[in-house]
Protein backbone atom coordinates (compact mmCIF):
# COMPACT_ATOMS: atom_id res chain seq x y z
CA MET A 1 -51.90 5.78 -66.59
CA PRO A 2 -50.99 2.40 -68.22
CA THR A 3 -48.08 2.42 -70.71
CA PRO A 4 -49.14 2.35 -74.37
CA VAL A 5 -48.69 -0.92 -76.35
CA THR A 6 -47.37 0.07 -79.66
CA ASP A 7 -46.21 -3.19 -80.98
CA ILE A 8 -49.50 -5.09 -80.89
CA GLU A 9 -51.76 -5.57 -83.90
CA ILE A 10 -55.51 -6.33 -83.06
CA ARG A 11 -57.04 -8.33 -86.07
CA ASN A 12 -59.82 -10.78 -86.62
CA ALA A 13 -58.76 -14.36 -86.46
CA THR A 14 -58.44 -16.47 -89.33
CA ASP A 15 -57.89 -20.19 -90.02
CA ALA A 16 -54.01 -19.73 -90.16
CA ASP A 17 -54.20 -18.62 -86.25
CA CYS A 18 -55.60 -22.20 -85.10
CA ALA A 19 -52.15 -23.47 -84.24
CA PRO A 20 -51.29 -20.60 -81.88
CA LEU A 21 -54.77 -20.39 -80.56
CA ALA A 22 -54.54 -23.96 -79.09
CA PRO A 23 -52.00 -23.39 -76.63
CA LEU A 24 -53.42 -20.25 -75.64
CA LEU A 25 -56.77 -22.08 -74.73
CA GLU A 26 -55.18 -24.30 -72.93
CA GLN A 27 -53.60 -21.73 -70.75
CA LEU A 28 -57.09 -20.48 -69.99
CA GLY A 29 -58.00 -24.20 -68.90
CA TYR A 30 -59.68 -25.56 -72.09
CA PRO A 31 -57.48 -28.02 -73.78
CA THR A 32 -57.95 -28.39 -77.55
CA THR A 33 -56.16 -28.89 -80.51
CA ALA A 34 -55.87 -26.79 -83.68
CA ALA A 35 -57.91 -29.22 -85.72
CA GLU A 36 -60.67 -28.64 -83.34
CA ILE A 37 -60.47 -24.80 -83.16
CA ALA A 38 -60.84 -24.62 -87.30
CA PRO A 39 -64.49 -25.57 -87.48
CA ARG A 40 -65.36 -23.69 -84.30
CA LEU A 41 -64.01 -20.54 -86.23
CA LYS A 42 -66.06 -21.44 -89.40
CA ARG A 43 -69.28 -21.72 -87.43
CA PHE A 44 -68.36 -18.49 -85.35
CA GLY A 45 -71.37 -16.16 -85.75
CA ILE A 46 -73.95 -18.41 -87.28
CA HIS A 47 -76.23 -17.59 -84.48
CA GLY A 48 -75.93 -13.89 -84.59
CA PRO A 49 -73.18 -11.42 -84.57
CA ALA A 50 -69.85 -12.55 -83.13
CA VAL A 51 -66.26 -11.65 -83.43
CA ALA A 52 -62.87 -13.55 -82.75
CA LEU A 53 -59.88 -11.27 -82.47
CA VAL A 54 -56.21 -11.89 -81.93
CA ALA A 55 -53.52 -9.94 -80.73
CA ALA A 56 -50.39 -10.59 -82.60
CA LYS A 57 -46.85 -9.38 -81.44
CA GLN A 58 -44.20 -9.14 -84.17
CA GLY A 59 -46.44 -11.56 -86.22
CA SER A 60 -46.83 -14.13 -83.53
CA VAL A 61 -50.34 -14.58 -81.77
CA VAL A 62 -50.07 -13.83 -78.15
CA GLY A 63 -53.77 -13.27 -77.18
CA VAL A 64 -57.18 -13.90 -78.17
CA ALA A 65 -60.66 -12.68 -77.35
CA THR A 66 -64.13 -13.41 -78.54
CA GLY A 67 -67.45 -11.34 -78.33
CA HIS A 68 -71.12 -12.26 -79.03
CA LEU A 69 -74.33 -10.36 -79.22
CA MET A 70 -77.07 -11.47 -77.27
CA ALA A 71 -80.80 -10.29 -77.21
CA THR A 72 -82.68 -10.43 -74.07
CA ILE A 73 -86.36 -9.82 -73.19
CA HIS A 74 -85.43 -7.95 -70.05
CA ALA A 75 -83.36 -5.14 -71.64
CA ALA A 76 -84.20 -2.89 -74.56
CA THR A 77 -80.80 -3.34 -76.40
CA GLU A 78 -78.68 -6.36 -76.96
CA GLY A 79 -75.96 -6.82 -74.60
CA ALA A 80 -72.44 -7.90 -75.62
CA TYR A 81 -70.87 -10.74 -74.10
CA LEU A 82 -66.89 -11.10 -73.76
CA THR A 83 -66.80 -14.99 -74.13
CA THR A 84 -63.10 -15.52 -74.39
CA LEU A 85 -60.03 -13.64 -73.21
CA VAL A 86 -56.67 -15.09 -72.84
CA VAL A 87 -53.16 -13.67 -73.40
CA SER A 88 -49.98 -15.78 -73.36
CA SER A 89 -48.40 -16.01 -70.10
CA GLU A 90 -45.36 -14.89 -71.70
CA VAL A 91 -46.51 -11.41 -72.30
CA ARG A 92 -49.18 -10.85 -69.67
CA GLY A 93 -49.08 -7.69 -67.88
CA GLN A 94 -47.88 -5.60 -70.88
CA GLY A 95 -51.36 -4.25 -71.66
CA ILE A 96 -52.48 -6.83 -74.26
CA GLY A 97 -55.44 -7.97 -72.64
CA ARG A 98 -56.64 -4.34 -72.00
CA LEU A 99 -56.32 -3.69 -75.96
CA LEU A 100 -58.35 -7.04 -76.63
CA VAL A 101 -61.02 -5.61 -74.10
CA GLU A 102 -60.97 -2.33 -75.74
CA ALA A 103 -61.35 -3.93 -79.32
CA ILE A 104 -64.35 -6.10 -77.98
CA GLU A 105 -65.80 -2.92 -76.46
CA ALA A 106 -65.42 -1.03 -79.72
CA TRP A 107 -67.25 -3.72 -81.54
CA ALA A 108 -69.86 -4.14 -79.26
CA ARG A 109 -70.66 -0.13 -79.48
CA GLU A 110 -70.66 -0.67 -83.21
CA HIS A 111 -73.64 -2.80 -82.50
CA ASN A 112 -75.41 -0.35 -80.21
CA CYS A 113 -74.64 -2.39 -76.91
CA LYS A 114 -74.74 -0.37 -73.71
CA ARG A 115 -73.16 -3.03 -71.77
CA LEU A 116 -70.40 -5.35 -71.95
CA ILE A 117 -70.62 -8.53 -69.99
CA VAL A 118 -68.18 -11.08 -68.85
CA THR A 119 -68.15 -14.12 -66.55
CA THR A 120 -64.99 -15.65 -64.85
CA ALA A 121 -64.60 -18.65 -62.68
CA LEU A 122 -64.45 -18.09 -59.05
CA HIS A 123 -60.74 -19.23 -58.66
CA ARG A 124 -59.49 -16.62 -60.96
CA THR A 125 -58.83 -13.76 -58.33
CA GLU A 126 -56.31 -11.95 -60.55
CA THR A 127 -58.52 -11.84 -63.62
CA HIS A 128 -61.43 -10.40 -61.24
CA LYS A 129 -58.63 -7.71 -60.09
CA PHE A 130 -58.19 -6.97 -63.90
CA TYR A 131 -61.82 -6.59 -64.91
CA GLU A 132 -62.17 -4.29 -61.90
CA ARG A 133 -59.30 -2.06 -63.23
CA LEU A 134 -61.01 -1.91 -66.47
CA GLU A 135 -64.22 -0.56 -64.64
CA PHE A 136 -66.36 -3.82 -64.68
CA ASP A 137 -68.67 -4.04 -61.84
CA PHE A 138 -69.14 -7.20 -59.99
CA THR A 139 -73.06 -7.78 -60.24
CA GLY A 140 -73.94 -11.28 -59.79
CA ARG A 141 -73.15 -15.08 -59.85
CA ARG A 142 -72.84 -17.52 -62.77
CA TYR A 143 -74.30 -21.18 -62.39
CA VAL A 144 -73.40 -23.91 -64.96
CA LYS A 145 -75.25 -27.09 -65.46
CA LYS A 146 -73.58 -29.75 -67.85
CA LEU A 147 -76.35 -31.22 -70.24
CA SER A 148 -76.47 -34.70 -71.67
CA PRO A 149 -76.85 -34.84 -75.36
CA ALA A 150 -80.49 -34.97 -76.56
CA LYS A 151 -82.07 -38.27 -77.24
């Protein structure tokens, strides 16, 4: 049984969180600036239900998770996608990632989702183990094609 994490607050991300989110996203492999994050948060959810959550420890943001709903033609209910998850390397292994995933799961259940889907890069072997500990099943592969801007 994991040790309960008691000093972490999970809450919706705000504009005030842009600065601490930038180094977290860089740790995930997506370098960005606080100035670039602000408009992304503003447009969050304009294409359907979405949530951006942060984990704060003693008032400092130490993790972020985002979730999106996606309707598909092949399933009777929408699926929820865990689209971002990162916890500061300084506090990893303390259960914060698990708390963020649980919060995204709760949000997905509130939207009547029957499944939570996540993709993760092949090189993230420790991340794969993390998701398997949280009872995610390995069910397939992901392919990405980079697109040129429309003309």
